[in-house]
């Protein structure tokens, strides 16, 4: 029986996570543009809302395709988080953004190398975790390259939780799955080598 691979799961979850992240960011910021002033919509009253903020002090790039990607939601640039999850490094702005962009590139390459090796590719939960982490990593990396920081719009304001996005959700869920897999899921047994075929004994005279 052929050794089963879950590389397809890793790739599928990475693509779905990236697509969901970018579609939600562009969609929400365009929906709540409000002439560049930004706006919010309650999802769970007194608990959770969608919020879009913009920064008129930052001009979009006058550089063709990149400028179009920056202003698809509206002519005013969105306000971004230059740091990492929960605003880590936010105070350093440009330096923090490019530092975390480099970390994201290294992480994405490491996941691709690790997740496509024969051993890890046989582990379903590991591939699911790596796929989600890869999708979230690339989603926020896109923002860092195009916008100079990460667009956030999910806000649990009842507990003043830092504003986050779908890519962050993928990263957290993927990390949780990775921990779950490491602690509770034993690795699949290594495939046993098939015995070499032998010639049938010649019939007796």
Protein backbone atom coordinates (compact mmCIF):
# COMPACT_ATOMS: atom_id res chain seq x y z
CA UNK A 1 0.00 0.00 0.00
CA UNK A 2 1.38 3.43 -0.99
CA UNK A 3 2.49 5.72 1.81
CA UNK A 4 -0.27 8.33 2.32
CA UNK A 5 0.66 12.02 2.08
CA UNK A 6 -1.24 15.05 3.47
CA UNK A 7 0.68 17.69 1.54
CA UNK A 8 -2.59 18.53 -0.22
CA UNK A 9 -4.10 19.45 3.17
CA UNK A 10 -1.23 21.78 4.00
CA UNK A 11 -1.48 23.54 0.63
CA UNK A 12 -5.30 23.72 0.70
CA UNK A 13 -5.48 25.26 4.19
CA UNK A 14 -2.69 27.71 3.34
CA UNK A 15 -4.50 28.89 0.20
CA UNK A 16 -7.91 29.06 1.93
CA UNK A 17 -6.44 30.92 4.93
CA UNK A 18 -4.64 33.43 2.71
CA UNK A 19 -7.73 34.00 0.54
CA UNK A 20 -10.05 34.41 3.54
CA UNK A 21 -7.64 36.85 5.17
CA UNK A 22 -7.20 39.12 2.15
CA UNK A 23 -10.87 38.98 1.10
CA UNK A 24 -12.00 39.93 4.62
CA UNK A 25 -9.48 42.77 4.93
CA UNK A 26 -10.22 44.34 1.57
CA UNK A 27 -13.96 43.75 1.97
CA UNK A 28 -14.32 45.21 5.47
CA UNK A 29 -12.08 48.23 4.82
CA UNK A 30 -13.94 49.01 1.60
CA UNK A 31 -17.34 48.56 3.28
CA UNK A 32 -16.46 50.80 6.23
CA UNK A 33 -14.43 53.36 4.26
CA UNK A 34 -16.85 56.25 4.96
CA UNK A 35 -14.93 58.83 2.95
CA UNK A 36 -11.65 57.90 4.58
CA UNK A 37 -12.90 58.58 8.09
CA UNK A 38 -13.44 54.91 8.90
CA UNK A 39 -16.39 53.36 10.66
CA UNK A 40 -17.47 50.34 12.69
CA UNK A 41 -20.31 47.82 12.74
CA UNK A 42 -21.53 45.98 15.80
CA UNK A 43 -21.50 42.19 15.51
CA UNK A 44 -22.24 41.30 19.15
CA UNK A 45 -23.54 44.44 20.91
CA UNK A 46 -21.33 45.56 23.81
CA UNK A 47 -18.83 42.83 22.99
CA UNK A 48 -17.50 42.60 19.45
CA UNK A 49 -17.40 44.83 16.39
CA UNK A 50 -15.77 45.20 12.99
CA UNK A 51 -13.70 48.35 12.82
CA UNK A 52 -11.84 50.06 9.95
CA UNK A 53 -9.42 52.91 10.58
CA UNK A 54 -7.60 55.05 8.01
CA UNK A 55 -4.54 57.30 8.08
CA UNK A 56 -4.70 60.35 5.77
CA UNK A 57 -1.14 61.33 6.78
CA UNK A 58 0.29 58.38 4.82
CA UNK A 59 0.08 58.89 1.03
CA UNK A 60 -0.38 55.84 -1.19
CA UNK A 61 2.48 54.77 -3.39
CA UNK A 62 2.54 56.35 -6.86
CA UNK A 63 3.88 53.15 -8.38
CA UNK A 64 1.31 51.46 -10.58
CA UNK A 65 0.16 48.04 -9.41
CA UNK A 66 1.31 48.51 -5.82
CA UNK A 67 -0.59 51.78 -5.54
CA UNK A 68 -3.71 50.10 -6.90
CA UNK A 69 -3.44 47.36 -4.28
CA UNK A 70 -3.08 49.97 -1.55
CA UNK A 71 -6.12 52.00 -2.59
CA UNK A 72 -8.55 49.26 -3.64
CA UNK A 73 -10.55 49.81 -0.46
CA UNK A 74 -10.48 53.60 -0.91
CA UNK A 75 -8.10 56.46 -1.78
CA UNK A 76 -7.01 56.90 1.86
CA UNK A 77 -4.50 54.39 3.21
CA UNK A 78 -5.70 52.08 6.02
CA UNK A 79 -4.16 52.46 9.45
CA UNK A 80 -1.85 49.51 10.06
CA UNK A 81 -0.09 47.69 12.86
CA UNK A 82 3.66 47.86 12.20
CA UNK A 83 4.42 45.31 14.91
CA UNK A 84 3.45 41.70 15.43
CA UNK A 85 0.50 40.00 17.12
CA UNK A 86 -1.04 42.14 19.92
CA UNK A 87 0.97 45.18 18.74
CA UNK A 88 4.40 43.85 19.74
CA UNK A 89 7.00 46.27 18.38
CA UNK A 90 4.38 48.77 17.18
CA UNK A 91 6.34 51.74 18.53
CA UNK A 92 9.24 51.17 16.12
CA UNK A 93 7.08 51.33 12.97
CA UNK A 94 9.16 50.85 9.80
CA UNK A 95 12.01 48.94 11.43
CA UNK A 96 9.59 46.63 13.21
CA UNK A 97 7.58 46.07 10.03
CA UNK A 98 10.55 44.95 7.96
CA UNK A 99 11.99 42.92 10.82
CA UNK A 100 8.74 40.97 11.15
CA UNK A 101 8.48 40.72 7.36
CA UNK A 102 11.87 38.99 7.37
CA UNK A 103 10.74 36.69 10.18
CA UNK A 104 7.60 35.85 8.17
CA UNK A 105 9.61 34.98 5.05
CA UNK A 106 11.94 32.73 7.06
CA UNK A 107 8.96 31.05 8.77
CA UNK A 108 7.13 30.47 5.49
CA UNK A 109 10.22 28.90 3.89
CA UNK A 110 10.80 26.71 6.96
CA UNK A 111 7.19 25.48 6.88
CA UNK A 112 7.40 24.67 3.17
CA UNK A 113 10.63 22.72 3.65
CA UNK A 114 9.44 20.91 6.79
CA UNK A 115 5.86 20.24 5.72
CA UNK A 116 6.74 18.77 2.33
CA UNK A 117 9.29 16.28 3.66
CA UNK A 118 8.17 12.68 3.54
CA UNK A 119 7.89 12.13 7.31
CA UNK A 120 5.88 15.23 8.29
CA UNK A 121 3.73 14.91 5.15
CA UNK A 122 2.35 11.62 6.55
CA UNK A 123 0.91 13.37 9.65
CA UNK A 124 -2.57 14.80 9.04
CA UNK A 125 -2.79 17.06 12.09
CA UNK A 126 0.71 18.39 11.59
CA UNK A 127 -0.03 19.29 7.97
CA UNK A 128 -3.29 20.97 9.01
CA UNK A 129 -1.46 23.05 11.63
CA UNK A 130 1.35 24.00 9.24
CA UNK A 131 -1.15 24.91 6.52
CA UNK A 132 -3.01 27.32 8.80
CA UNK A 133 0.23 28.85 10.08
CA UNK A 134 1.51 29.26 6.52
CA UNK A 135 -1.74 30.90 5.35
CA UNK A 136 -1.70 33.35 8.27
CA UNK A 137 1.99 34.10 7.83
CA UNK A 138 1.69 34.87 4.12
CA UNK A 139 -1.50 36.88 4.67
CA UNK A 140 0.20 39.27 7.09
CA UNK A 141 3.39 39.25 5.00
CA UNK A 142 1.37 40.54 2.03
CA UNK A 143 0.17 43.45 4.19
CA UNK A 144 3.68 44.26 5.36
CA UNK A 145 4.99 44.41 1.79
CA UNK A 146 2.02 46.28 0.27
CA UNK A 147 0.88 48.52 3.15
CA UNK A 148 3.97 48.76 5.36
CA UNK A 149 2.07 47.09 8.21
CA UNK A 150 -0.84 44.77 8.99
CA UNK A 151 -4.51 45.71 8.58
CA UNK A 152 -6.59 44.74 11.62
CA UNK A 153 -10.38 44.97 11.97
CA UNK A 154 -11.68 42.39 14.48
CA UNK A 155 -12.21 44.05 17.86
CA UNK A 156 -13.41 42.47 21.13
CA UNK A 157 -13.82 45.81 22.82
CA UNK A 158 -15.61 44.53 25.92
CA UNK A 159 -12.28 43.25 27.22
CA UNK A 160 -10.18 45.77 25.24
CA UNK A 161 -8.55 42.92 23.33
CA UNK A 162 -6.03 44.20 20.73
CA UNK A 163 -7.56 44.51 17.25
CA UNK A 164 -6.64 41.52 15.07
CA UNK A 165 -7.47 39.87 11.73
CA UNK A 166 -8.19 36.53 10.07
CA UNK A 167 -4.49 35.81 9.48
CA UNK A 168 -3.91 36.14 13.23
CA UNK A 169 -6.77 33.67 13.80
CA UNK A 170 -5.10 31.19 11.43
CA UNK A 171 -1.79 31.60 13.28
CA UNK A 172 -3.34 31.05 16.71
CA UNK A 173 -5.47 28.07 15.65
CA UNK A 174 -2.53 26.57 13.74
CA UNK A 175 -0.24 26.95 16.76
CA UNK A 176 -2.91 25.34 18.96
CA UNK A 177 -3.23 22.41 16.57
CA UNK A 178 0.55 22.08 16.47
CA UNK A 179 0.64 21.84 20.27
CA UNK A 180 -2.29 19.40 20.30
CA UNK A 181 -0.61 17.24 17.68
CA UNK A 182 2.71 17.23 19.52
CA UNK A 183 1.15 16.26 22.87
CA UNK A 184 -1.79 13.99 22.03
CA UNK A 185 -1.32 12.53 18.53
CA UNK A 186 1.30 9.80 18.18
CA UNK A 187 3.22 9.82 14.89
CA UNK A 188 2.06 7.21 12.38
CA UNK A 189 4.15 4.05 12.23
CA UNK A 190 6.87 4.06 9.63
CA UNK A 191 5.95 2.06 6.53
CA UNK A 192 7.39 -1.43 6.56
CA UNK A 193 9.65 -2.33 3.65
CA UNK A 194 8.07 -4.85 1.31
CA UNK A 195 9.89 -8.18 1.06
CA UNK A 196 11.74 -8.71 -2.18
CA UNK A 197 9.93 -11.07 -4.57
CA UNK A 198 11.45 -14.55 -4.81
CA UNK A 199 11.38 -16.94 -7.71
CA UNK A 200 8.97 -19.84 -7.29
CA UNK A 201 10.61 -23.17 -6.72
CA UNK A 202 10.94 -25.22 -9.88
CA UNK A 203 8.56 -28.22 -10.02
CA UNK A 204 10.04 -31.56 -9.17
CA UNK A 205 10.54 -34.09 -11.96
